[in-house]
N, C-alpha and C. Protein backbone atom coordinates (compact mmCIF):
# COMPACT_ATOMS: atom_id res chain seq x y z
N MET A 1 -42.83 -2.54 -1.36
CA MET A 1 -42.02 -2.80 -2.53
C MET A 1 -40.70 -2.02 -2.44
N LYS A 2 -40.78 -0.73 -2.00
CA LYS A 2 -39.56 0.08 -1.85
C LYS A 2 -38.59 -0.57 -0.88
N ASN A 3 -39.13 -1.11 0.22
CA ASN A 3 -38.28 -1.75 1.22
C ASN A 3 -37.55 -2.96 0.65
N ILE A 4 -38.22 -3.74 -0.17
CA ILE A 4 -37.60 -4.92 -0.78
C ILE A 4 -36.47 -4.49 -1.72
N ILE A 5 -36.70 -3.46 -2.50
CA ILE A 5 -35.66 -2.95 -3.43
C ILE A 5 -34.48 -2.42 -2.63
N MET A 6 -34.75 -1.64 -1.59
CA MET A 6 -33.67 -1.09 -0.76
C MET A 6 -32.87 -2.20 -0.09
N ALA A 7 -33.57 -3.18 0.46
CA ALA A 7 -32.90 -4.31 1.11
C ALA A 7 -32.04 -5.06 0.11
N SER A 8 -32.53 -5.26 -1.10
CA SER A 8 -31.77 -5.95 -2.15
C SER A 8 -30.51 -5.18 -2.51
N LEU A 9 -30.62 -3.86 -2.60
CA LEU A 9 -29.46 -3.02 -2.91
C LEU A 9 -28.41 -3.09 -1.81
N VAL A 10 -28.85 -3.03 -0.56
CA VAL A 10 -27.92 -3.12 0.57
C VAL A 10 -27.22 -4.47 0.58
N ILE A 11 -27.96 -5.54 0.40
CA ILE A 11 -27.37 -6.88 0.37
C ILE A 11 -26.42 -7.02 -0.80
N ALA A 12 -26.79 -6.54 -1.97
CA ALA A 12 -25.92 -6.63 -3.15
C ALA A 12 -24.63 -5.85 -2.94
N THR A 13 -24.74 -4.65 -2.37
CA THR A 13 -23.54 -3.83 -2.11
C THR A 13 -22.64 -4.52 -1.10
N THR A 14 -23.21 -5.03 -0.04
CA THR A 14 -22.42 -5.71 0.99
C THR A 14 -21.77 -6.95 0.40
N PHE A 15 -22.52 -7.72 -0.37
CA PHE A 15 -21.99 -8.95 -0.95
C PHE A 15 -20.86 -8.65 -1.92
N THR A 16 -21.02 -7.62 -2.74
CA THR A 16 -19.98 -7.24 -3.69
C THR A 16 -18.72 -6.81 -2.96
N THR A 17 -18.86 -6.01 -1.92
CA THR A 17 -17.71 -5.55 -1.17
C THR A 17 -17.02 -6.73 -0.49
N LYS A 18 -17.80 -7.61 0.12
CA LYS A 18 -17.19 -8.73 0.85
C LYS A 18 -16.52 -9.73 -0.07
N ALA A 19 -16.98 -9.86 -1.31
CA ALA A 19 -16.39 -10.83 -2.23
C ALA A 19 -15.15 -10.25 -2.90
N GLN A 20 -14.93 -8.99 -2.75
CA GLN A 20 -13.87 -8.30 -3.46
C GLN A 20 -12.47 -8.68 -2.97
N ILE A 21 -11.55 -8.72 -3.90
CA ILE A 21 -10.13 -8.91 -3.59
C ILE A 21 -9.46 -7.55 -3.78
N TYR A 22 -8.60 -7.20 -2.83
CA TYR A 22 -7.90 -5.92 -2.87
C TYR A 22 -6.41 -6.16 -2.97
N THR A 23 -5.73 -5.30 -3.71
CA THR A 23 -4.28 -5.38 -3.85
C THR A 23 -3.68 -4.00 -3.61
N ALA A 24 -2.38 -3.99 -3.33
CA ALA A 24 -1.70 -2.72 -3.08
C ALA A 24 -1.60 -1.91 -4.36
N LYS A 25 -1.89 -0.63 -4.22
CA LYS A 25 -1.71 0.28 -5.34
C LYS A 25 -0.22 0.38 -5.66
N GLU A 26 0.09 0.65 -6.90
CA GLU A 26 1.48 0.83 -7.33
C GLU A 26 2.15 1.92 -6.48
N GLY A 27 3.22 1.57 -5.79
CA GLY A 27 3.97 2.54 -4.99
C GLY A 27 3.28 3.00 -3.72
N ALA A 28 2.20 2.32 -3.33
CA ALA A 28 1.43 2.78 -2.16
C ALA A 28 1.72 1.98 -0.90
N THR A 29 2.83 1.25 -0.89
CA THR A 29 3.21 0.48 0.29
C THR A 29 4.58 0.93 0.76
N THR A 30 4.70 1.18 2.04
CA THR A 30 5.99 1.50 2.64
C THR A 30 6.20 0.60 3.85
N ILE A 31 7.31 -0.12 3.83
CA ILE A 31 7.71 -0.94 4.97
C ILE A 31 9.07 -0.42 5.39
N SER A 32 9.17 -0.03 6.63
CA SER A 32 10.46 0.49 7.10
C SER A 32 10.81 -0.18 8.41
N PHE A 33 12.10 -0.18 8.70
CA PHE A 33 12.50 -0.66 10.01
C PHE A 33 13.53 0.28 10.60
N PHE A 34 13.56 0.27 11.92
CA PHE A 34 14.45 1.14 12.68
C PHE A 34 15.07 0.31 13.79
N SER A 35 16.39 0.42 13.89
CA SER A 35 17.12 -0.28 14.93
C SER A 35 17.93 0.74 15.71
N LYS A 36 17.57 0.94 16.97
CA LYS A 36 18.28 1.87 17.85
C LYS A 36 19.46 1.12 18.45
N ALA A 37 20.65 1.66 18.24
CA ALA A 37 21.85 1.00 18.76
C ALA A 37 22.83 2.06 19.27
N PRO A 38 23.68 1.68 20.22
CA PRO A 38 24.62 2.65 20.82
C PRO A 38 25.55 3.32 19.80
N MET A 39 26.04 2.57 18.84
CA MET A 39 27.00 3.12 17.89
C MET A 39 26.33 3.95 16.79
N GLU A 40 25.27 3.38 16.19
CA GLU A 40 24.63 4.06 15.08
C GLU A 40 23.24 3.46 14.85
N ASP A 41 22.24 4.35 14.74
CA ASP A 41 20.89 3.88 14.44
C ASP A 41 20.86 3.39 13.00
N ILE A 42 20.07 2.36 12.76
CA ILE A 42 19.96 1.79 11.42
C ILE A 42 18.52 1.90 10.97
N GLU A 43 18.33 2.48 9.77
CA GLU A 43 17.01 2.64 9.20
C GLU A 43 17.03 2.17 7.75
N ALA A 44 15.94 1.60 7.30
CA ALA A 44 15.80 1.20 5.90
C ALA A 44 14.34 1.29 5.50
N VAL A 45 14.10 1.52 4.21
CA VAL A 45 12.75 1.65 3.67
C VAL A 45 12.62 0.75 2.45
N ASN A 46 11.47 0.10 2.34
CA ASN A 46 11.18 -0.79 1.22
C ASN A 46 9.83 -0.39 0.65
N LYS A 47 9.77 -0.13 -0.64
CA LYS A 47 8.50 0.23 -1.27
C LYS A 47 8.04 -0.85 -2.24
N GLY A 48 8.63 -2.05 -2.10
CA GLY A 48 8.27 -3.13 -3.01
C GLY A 48 7.68 -4.31 -2.29
N ALA A 49 6.39 -4.40 -2.25
CA ALA A 49 5.71 -5.53 -1.61
C ALA A 49 4.50 -5.91 -2.44
N THR A 50 4.17 -7.18 -2.42
CA THR A 50 2.95 -7.67 -3.05
C THR A 50 1.98 -7.99 -1.93
N ILE A 51 0.79 -7.41 -1.99
CA ILE A 51 -0.19 -7.58 -0.93
C ILE A 51 -1.54 -7.95 -1.54
N VAL A 52 -2.17 -8.95 -0.95
CA VAL A 52 -3.52 -9.36 -1.38
C VAL A 52 -4.38 -9.48 -0.13
N PHE A 53 -5.54 -8.82 -0.16
CA PHE A 53 -6.50 -8.88 0.95
C PHE A 53 -7.83 -9.34 0.37
N ARG A 54 -8.38 -10.40 0.92
CA ARG A 54 -9.68 -10.92 0.49
C ARG A 54 -10.67 -10.59 1.59
N ALA A 55 -11.53 -9.62 1.33
CA ALA A 55 -12.48 -9.14 2.34
C ALA A 55 -13.46 -10.23 2.77
N SER A 56 -13.86 -11.11 1.87
CA SER A 56 -14.87 -12.12 2.21
C SER A 56 -14.39 -13.09 3.28
N THR A 57 -13.08 -13.33 3.34
CA THR A 57 -12.53 -14.27 4.32
C THR A 57 -11.62 -13.59 5.34
N ALA A 58 -11.34 -12.30 5.14
CA ALA A 58 -10.43 -11.50 5.98
C ALA A 58 -8.98 -12.00 5.90
N ASP A 59 -8.66 -12.73 4.82
CA ASP A 59 -7.29 -13.24 4.61
C ASP A 59 -6.39 -12.13 4.07
N LEU A 60 -5.16 -12.11 4.58
CA LEU A 60 -4.17 -11.12 4.17
C LEU A 60 -2.87 -11.86 3.86
N GLN A 61 -2.30 -11.58 2.69
CA GLN A 61 -1.01 -12.16 2.30
C GLN A 61 -0.09 -11.04 1.85
N ILE A 62 1.15 -11.12 2.34
CA ILE A 62 2.15 -10.10 2.02
C ILE A 62 3.44 -10.80 1.65
N SER A 63 4.07 -10.35 0.58
CA SER A 63 5.37 -10.85 0.16
C SER A 63 6.28 -9.64 -0.06
N ILE A 64 7.45 -9.68 0.59
CA ILE A 64 8.38 -8.54 0.54
C ILE A 64 9.71 -9.01 -0.02
N SER A 65 10.20 -8.32 -1.02
CA SER A 65 11.54 -8.59 -1.56
C SER A 65 12.55 -7.92 -0.63
N ILE A 66 13.40 -8.72 0.01
CA ILE A 66 14.36 -8.20 0.99
C ILE A 66 15.35 -7.23 0.35
N GLN A 67 15.80 -7.52 -0.86
CA GLN A 67 16.80 -6.66 -1.48
C GLN A 67 16.28 -5.27 -1.84
N ASN A 68 14.97 -5.05 -1.70
CA ASN A 68 14.41 -3.71 -1.98
C ASN A 68 14.52 -2.75 -0.80
N PHE A 69 15.08 -3.20 0.33
CA PHE A 69 15.29 -2.26 1.44
C PHE A 69 16.43 -1.33 1.07
N ARG A 70 16.19 -0.03 1.26
CA ARG A 70 17.19 0.99 0.94
C ARG A 70 17.65 1.67 2.23
N PHE A 71 18.96 1.81 2.34
CA PHE A 71 19.61 2.39 3.51
C PHE A 71 20.23 3.73 3.15
N LYS A 72 20.62 4.49 4.18
CA LYS A 72 21.24 5.79 3.91
C LYS A 72 22.65 5.65 3.37
N ASN A 73 23.28 4.49 3.62
CA ASN A 73 24.60 4.30 3.03
C ASN A 73 24.72 2.91 2.42
N ALA A 74 25.45 2.84 1.31
CA ALA A 74 25.55 1.62 0.51
C ALA A 74 26.20 0.47 1.28
N LEU A 75 27.15 0.76 2.15
CA LEU A 75 27.83 -0.29 2.90
C LEU A 75 26.86 -0.99 3.86
N MET A 76 25.99 -0.22 4.52
CA MET A 76 24.96 -0.81 5.39
C MET A 76 24.07 -1.76 4.59
N GLU A 77 23.66 -1.29 3.42
CA GLU A 77 22.78 -2.09 2.56
C GLU A 77 23.47 -3.39 2.14
N GLU A 78 24.73 -3.30 1.80
CA GLU A 78 25.50 -4.48 1.41
C GLU A 78 25.62 -5.47 2.56
N HIS A 79 25.97 -4.98 3.75
CA HIS A 79 26.08 -5.85 4.93
C HIS A 79 24.75 -6.50 5.26
N PHE A 80 23.67 -5.72 5.18
CA PHE A 80 22.33 -6.23 5.46
C PHE A 80 22.00 -7.40 4.54
N ASN A 81 22.22 -7.22 3.24
CA ASN A 81 21.87 -8.25 2.26
C ASN A 81 22.80 -9.46 2.29
N GLU A 82 24.11 -9.22 2.42
CA GLU A 82 25.07 -10.31 2.34
C GLU A 82 25.31 -11.01 3.67
N ASN A 83 25.50 -10.26 4.75
CA ASN A 83 25.91 -10.84 6.03
C ASN A 83 24.76 -11.23 6.95
N TYR A 84 23.70 -10.44 6.97
CA TYR A 84 22.63 -10.68 7.95
C TYR A 84 21.45 -11.42 7.34
N MET A 85 20.86 -10.85 6.31
CA MET A 85 19.65 -11.45 5.73
C MET A 85 19.95 -12.53 4.69
N GLU A 86 21.19 -12.61 4.24
CA GLU A 86 21.57 -13.63 3.25
C GLU A 86 20.55 -13.67 2.11
N THR A 87 20.38 -12.52 1.48
CA THR A 87 19.33 -12.30 0.51
C THR A 87 19.36 -13.28 -0.67
N GLU A 88 20.53 -13.70 -1.10
CA GLU A 88 20.58 -14.66 -2.20
C GLU A 88 19.93 -15.98 -1.80
N LYS A 89 20.10 -16.38 -0.56
CA LYS A 89 19.54 -17.63 -0.05
C LYS A 89 18.08 -17.46 0.38
N PHE A 90 17.75 -16.30 0.97
CA PHE A 90 16.40 -16.02 1.48
C PHE A 90 15.91 -14.69 0.89
N PRO A 91 15.47 -14.67 -0.36
CA PRO A 91 15.14 -13.41 -1.04
C PRO A 91 13.87 -12.71 -0.58
N LYS A 92 12.97 -13.42 0.09
CA LYS A 92 11.68 -12.82 0.46
C LYS A 92 11.33 -13.07 1.92
N ALA A 93 10.50 -12.18 2.43
CA ALA A 93 9.82 -12.39 3.71
C ALA A 93 8.34 -12.42 3.37
N THR A 94 7.59 -13.30 4.03
CA THR A 94 6.16 -13.39 3.74
C THR A 94 5.35 -13.41 5.03
N PHE A 95 4.11 -13.00 4.89
CA PHE A 95 3.14 -13.09 5.99
C PHE A 95 1.84 -13.59 5.38
N LYS A 96 1.25 -14.60 6.01
CA LYS A 96 -0.07 -15.10 5.62
C LYS A 96 -0.90 -15.17 6.88
N GLY A 97 -1.98 -14.40 6.91
CA GLY A 97 -2.79 -14.37 8.11
C GLY A 97 -4.21 -13.96 7.86
N LYS A 98 -4.89 -13.68 8.96
CA LYS A 98 -6.32 -13.37 8.90
C LYS A 98 -6.63 -12.30 9.95
N ILE A 99 -7.46 -11.35 9.56
CA ILE A 99 -7.94 -10.34 10.51
C ILE A 99 -8.89 -11.03 11.48
N ASN A 100 -8.67 -10.85 12.77
CA ASN A 100 -9.44 -11.56 13.79
C ASN A 100 -10.82 -10.95 14.05
N GLU A 101 -10.96 -9.66 13.88
CA GLU A 101 -12.21 -8.99 14.23
C GLU A 101 -13.24 -9.11 13.09
N ALA A 102 -14.52 -9.16 13.47
CA ALA A 102 -15.60 -9.13 12.48
C ALA A 102 -15.82 -7.67 12.11
N ILE A 103 -15.64 -7.37 10.84
CA ILE A 103 -15.74 -5.98 10.36
C ILE A 103 -16.76 -5.92 9.23
N ASP A 104 -17.57 -4.87 9.25
CA ASP A 104 -18.50 -4.62 8.14
C ASP A 104 -17.71 -3.84 7.08
N TYR A 105 -17.24 -4.54 6.06
CA TYR A 105 -16.40 -3.92 5.03
C TYR A 105 -17.18 -3.01 4.09
N SER A 106 -18.49 -2.95 4.24
CA SER A 106 -19.28 -2.05 3.39
C SER A 106 -19.33 -0.64 3.96
N LYS A 107 -18.88 -0.46 5.22
CA LYS A 107 -18.94 0.85 5.86
C LYS A 107 -17.58 1.51 5.93
N ASP A 108 -17.55 2.81 5.61
CA ASP A 108 -16.32 3.58 5.76
C ASP A 108 -16.01 3.77 7.23
N GLY A 109 -14.73 3.88 7.54
CA GLY A 109 -14.32 4.15 8.91
C GLY A 109 -13.05 3.40 9.28
N GLU A 110 -12.54 3.75 10.46
CA GLU A 110 -11.31 3.15 10.97
C GLU A 110 -11.65 2.03 11.95
N ASN A 111 -10.94 0.92 11.81
CA ASN A 111 -11.12 -0.23 12.70
C ASN A 111 -9.78 -0.64 13.27
N LYS A 112 -9.72 -0.79 14.58
CA LYS A 112 -8.52 -1.36 15.20
C LYS A 112 -8.59 -2.86 14.98
N VAL A 113 -7.48 -3.43 14.50
CA VAL A 113 -7.49 -4.85 14.16
C VAL A 113 -6.27 -5.57 14.72
N THR A 114 -6.44 -6.88 14.89
CA THR A 114 -5.32 -7.78 15.14
C THR A 114 -5.34 -8.77 13.98
N VAL A 115 -4.15 -9.10 13.51
CA VAL A 115 -4.01 -10.03 12.41
C VAL A 115 -3.11 -11.16 12.89
N SER A 116 -3.61 -12.38 12.86
CA SER A 116 -2.82 -13.54 13.30
C SER A 116 -2.46 -14.38 12.09
N GLY A 117 -1.22 -14.86 12.10
CA GLY A 117 -0.80 -15.69 10.98
C GLY A 117 0.64 -16.14 11.13
N LYS A 118 1.22 -16.49 10.01
CA LYS A 118 2.59 -17.00 9.98
C LYS A 118 3.48 -16.03 9.21
N MET A 119 4.56 -15.61 9.87
CA MET A 119 5.56 -14.77 9.23
C MET A 119 6.77 -15.64 8.95
N GLU A 120 7.23 -15.61 7.71
CA GLU A 120 8.40 -16.38 7.32
C GLU A 120 9.48 -15.40 6.85
N MET A 121 10.64 -15.53 7.48
CA MET A 121 11.76 -14.64 7.15
C MET A 121 13.05 -15.39 7.45
N HIS A 122 14.02 -15.24 6.58
CA HIS A 122 15.34 -15.84 6.77
C HIS A 122 15.24 -17.35 7.02
N GLY A 123 14.26 -17.99 6.36
CA GLY A 123 14.10 -19.44 6.46
C GLY A 123 13.39 -19.92 7.71
N VAL A 124 12.90 -19.02 8.53
CA VAL A 124 12.22 -19.38 9.78
C VAL A 124 10.76 -18.90 9.71
N THR A 125 9.84 -19.78 10.10
CA THR A 125 8.42 -19.42 10.13
C THR A 125 7.96 -19.36 11.58
N LYS A 126 7.31 -18.25 11.93
CA LYS A 126 6.82 -18.04 13.30
C LYS A 126 5.34 -17.65 13.27
N ASP A 127 4.59 -18.11 14.28
CA ASP A 127 3.23 -17.64 14.49
C ASP A 127 3.32 -16.26 15.12
N VAL A 128 2.61 -15.29 14.55
CA VAL A 128 2.63 -13.93 15.10
C VAL A 128 1.21 -13.37 15.11
N THR A 129 0.99 -12.41 16.00
CA THR A 129 -0.23 -11.61 16.00
C THR A 129 0.21 -10.16 16.01
N LEU A 130 -0.24 -9.42 15.01
CA LEU A 130 0.13 -8.02 14.84
C LEU A 130 -1.09 -7.15 15.07
N THR A 131 -0.87 -5.94 15.57
CA THR A 131 -1.96 -4.99 15.77
C THR A 131 -1.82 -3.86 14.78
N GLY A 132 -2.93 -3.22 14.48
CA GLY A 132 -2.89 -2.09 13.56
C GLY A 132 -4.26 -1.51 13.35
N THR A 133 -4.38 -0.75 12.26
CA THR A 133 -5.68 -0.18 11.89
C THR A 133 -5.97 -0.51 10.43
N LEU A 134 -7.23 -0.73 10.15
CA LEU A 134 -7.73 -0.92 8.80
C LEU A 134 -8.80 0.14 8.60
N THR A 135 -8.55 1.05 7.67
CA THR A 135 -9.46 2.16 7.44
C THR A 135 -10.04 2.05 6.04
N LYS A 136 -11.37 2.03 5.95
CA LYS A 136 -12.03 2.00 4.65
C LYS A 136 -12.50 3.40 4.30
N SER A 137 -12.21 3.78 3.06
CA SER A 137 -12.66 5.06 2.54
C SER A 137 -13.03 4.85 1.07
N GLY A 138 -14.33 4.85 0.80
CA GLY A 138 -14.77 4.58 -0.57
C GLY A 138 -14.42 3.16 -0.96
N ASN A 139 -13.68 3.02 -2.06
CA ASN A 139 -13.28 1.69 -2.53
C ASN A 139 -11.90 1.28 -2.05
N GLU A 140 -11.29 2.06 -1.19
CA GLU A 140 -9.92 1.78 -0.74
C GLU A 140 -9.88 1.39 0.73
N PHE A 141 -8.85 0.62 1.05
CA PHE A 141 -8.52 0.30 2.43
C PHE A 141 -7.10 0.78 2.70
N LYS A 142 -6.88 1.36 3.86
CA LYS A 142 -5.54 1.68 4.32
C LYS A 142 -5.25 0.77 5.50
N LEU A 143 -4.11 0.10 5.44
CA LEU A 143 -3.70 -0.82 6.50
C LEU A 143 -2.39 -0.31 7.08
N ASN A 144 -2.36 -0.10 8.40
CA ASN A 144 -1.18 0.43 9.08
C ASN A 144 -0.88 -0.42 10.30
N SER A 145 0.42 -0.65 10.53
CA SER A 145 0.82 -1.42 11.70
C SER A 145 2.24 -1.01 12.10
N LYS A 146 2.52 -1.16 13.37
CA LYS A 146 3.87 -0.95 13.90
C LYS A 146 4.10 -2.07 14.91
N PHE A 147 5.21 -2.80 14.73
CA PHE A 147 5.49 -3.94 15.60
C PHE A 147 7.00 -4.15 15.69
N LYS A 148 7.40 -5.00 16.63
CA LYS A 148 8.82 -5.29 16.82
C LYS A 148 9.12 -6.74 16.44
N ILE A 149 10.32 -6.92 15.92
CA ILE A 149 10.80 -8.25 15.56
C ILE A 149 12.12 -8.47 16.27
N LYS A 150 12.24 -9.61 16.95
CA LYS A 150 13.50 -10.00 17.57
C LYS A 150 14.36 -10.68 16.51
N VAL A 151 15.53 -10.14 16.28
CA VAL A 151 16.44 -10.64 15.26
C VAL A 151 16.74 -12.13 15.49
N ALA A 152 16.98 -12.51 16.73
CA ALA A 152 17.34 -13.90 17.05
C ALA A 152 16.21 -14.88 16.74
N ASP A 153 14.95 -14.42 16.80
CA ASP A 153 13.82 -15.30 16.51
C ASP A 153 13.85 -15.85 15.09
N TYR A 154 14.53 -15.15 14.19
CA TYR A 154 14.59 -15.56 12.79
C TYR A 154 16.01 -16.01 12.39
N ASN A 155 16.78 -16.42 13.39
CA ASN A 155 18.14 -16.93 13.18
C ASN A 155 19.02 -15.99 12.36
N ILE A 156 18.82 -14.70 12.57
CA ILE A 156 19.67 -13.72 11.91
C ILE A 156 20.86 -13.50 12.83
N LYS A 157 22.01 -13.91 12.37
CA LYS A 157 23.23 -13.87 13.18
C LYS A 157 23.92 -12.53 13.01
N VAL A 158 24.34 -11.98 14.14
CA VAL A 158 25.10 -10.72 14.14
C VAL A 158 26.52 -11.06 14.58
N PRO A 159 27.51 -10.81 13.70
CA PRO A 159 28.90 -11.08 14.10
C PRO A 159 29.25 -10.33 15.39
N SER A 160 30.03 -10.97 16.25
CA SER A 160 30.34 -10.40 17.57
C SER A 160 30.94 -9.00 17.48
N MET A 161 31.69 -8.71 16.43
CA MET A 161 32.28 -7.37 16.32
C MET A 161 31.24 -6.29 16.03
N TYR A 162 30.01 -6.69 15.61
CA TYR A 162 28.95 -5.72 15.30
C TYR A 162 27.82 -5.75 16.31
N VAL A 163 27.95 -6.55 17.36
CA VAL A 163 26.87 -6.70 18.34
C VAL A 163 26.42 -5.36 18.92
N LYS A 164 27.33 -4.43 19.11
CA LYS A 164 26.95 -3.12 19.66
C LYS A 164 26.30 -2.22 18.62
N ASN A 165 26.41 -2.58 17.35
CA ASN A 165 25.85 -1.76 16.28
C ASN A 165 24.41 -2.10 15.94
N ILE A 166 23.98 -3.28 16.32
CA ILE A 166 22.65 -3.73 15.92
C ILE A 166 21.84 -4.13 17.14
N ALA A 167 20.64 -3.58 17.23
CA ALA A 167 19.76 -3.88 18.36
C ALA A 167 19.22 -5.30 18.26
N GLU A 168 18.82 -5.86 19.39
CA GLU A 168 18.24 -7.20 19.42
C GLU A 168 16.83 -7.20 18.83
N GLU A 169 16.17 -6.06 18.89
CA GLU A 169 14.83 -5.90 18.31
C GLU A 169 14.85 -4.75 17.32
N VAL A 170 14.12 -4.92 16.23
CA VAL A 170 13.95 -3.83 15.28
C VAL A 170 12.46 -3.48 15.22
N GLU A 171 12.18 -2.20 15.09
CA GLU A 171 10.80 -1.74 15.00
C GLU A 171 10.43 -1.63 13.52
N VAL A 172 9.35 -2.30 13.15
CA VAL A 172 8.89 -2.32 11.77
C VAL A 172 7.62 -1.48 11.67
N THR A 173 7.55 -0.63 10.65
CA THR A 173 6.37 0.17 10.37
C THR A 173 5.87 -0.22 8.98
N PHE A 174 4.57 -0.52 8.89
CA PHE A 174 3.96 -1.00 7.65
C PHE A 174 2.76 -0.13 7.33
N ASN A 175 2.74 0.44 6.12
CA ASN A 175 1.61 1.26 5.66
C ASN A 175 1.32 0.91 4.21
N THR A 176 0.05 0.67 3.90
CA THR A 176 -0.31 0.39 2.51
C THR A 176 -1.71 0.90 2.21
N THR A 177 -1.94 1.16 0.95
CA THR A 177 -3.28 1.48 0.46
C THR A 177 -3.66 0.39 -0.52
N LEU A 178 -4.84 -0.20 -0.30
CA LEU A 178 -5.33 -1.30 -1.13
C LEU A 178 -6.52 -0.83 -1.93
N GLU A 179 -6.59 -1.31 -3.18
CA GLU A 179 -7.71 -0.99 -4.05
C GLU A 179 -8.26 -2.27 -4.65
N PRO A 180 -9.49 -2.23 -5.15
CA PRO A 180 -10.06 -3.45 -5.74
C PRO A 180 -9.17 -3.98 -6.86
N PHE A 181 -8.94 -5.28 -6.84
CA PHE A 181 -8.14 -5.94 -7.88
C PHE A 181 -8.89 -5.91 -9.20
N GLN A 182 -8.16 -5.56 -10.25
CA GLN A 182 -8.75 -5.57 -11.59
C GLN A 182 -7.82 -6.33 -12.51
N LYS A 183 -8.36 -7.32 -13.20
CA LYS A 183 -7.55 -8.08 -14.15
C LYS A 183 -7.12 -7.15 -15.27
N LYS A 184 -5.88 -7.35 -15.68
CA LYS A 184 -5.35 -6.49 -16.76
C LYS A 184 -5.28 -7.23 -18.06
C-alpha cells in the first residue's frame, strides 16, 4: 500500500511539473549583445522580454522589444533604432522553438540543451539551433545561452561609411529566470 501511495505522489508531482507553464520573472531577463569592431566596440543591454516555457511540450517562445536595448551613448542607441534595426517598422524580435533533449523537469540540476526553432528579426525569419543550459532549482528554471548572429542574415544594412564600426557578427548573451505562471 505504501508503494502505491509513493508511486502516486511521484507521478502526480512529475505530471504537475510537466504540465506547468513558466514565465520570466519581472526584471529577471537580460539580453545583451557585443560587437567587436576596429573603431569602437558596441554593447547594448535589454531587460524587457516576454518569455513563455511550456515544460510538457518543451516549447519556448521569446519576444523582445528592440527599442529596449540600452547603449552607453544616446547617439549609438539612436542609430541602432533608426538606421539599422528600423525599430518603427520592425519593433520586435521573436523566437519560437523547442528544447531537443528529453529532460526530467521534476529533478533539480543543470542540463545542457539545444533549442531549435525560428528566429524572426528585422522582417526576416531563419531556422536556428541555439545551445545553452537549463537549470532547475525548486520551482524555478534558469535558461542561459550565448550565440552569434550574422547581421547580413537578417538584412540589416550597414552604411558603407560605418562598415569599419560594426562587426559582421554580433555575440548575443541571454539569461533568464522562469517561474510558474500564475493568473493575476
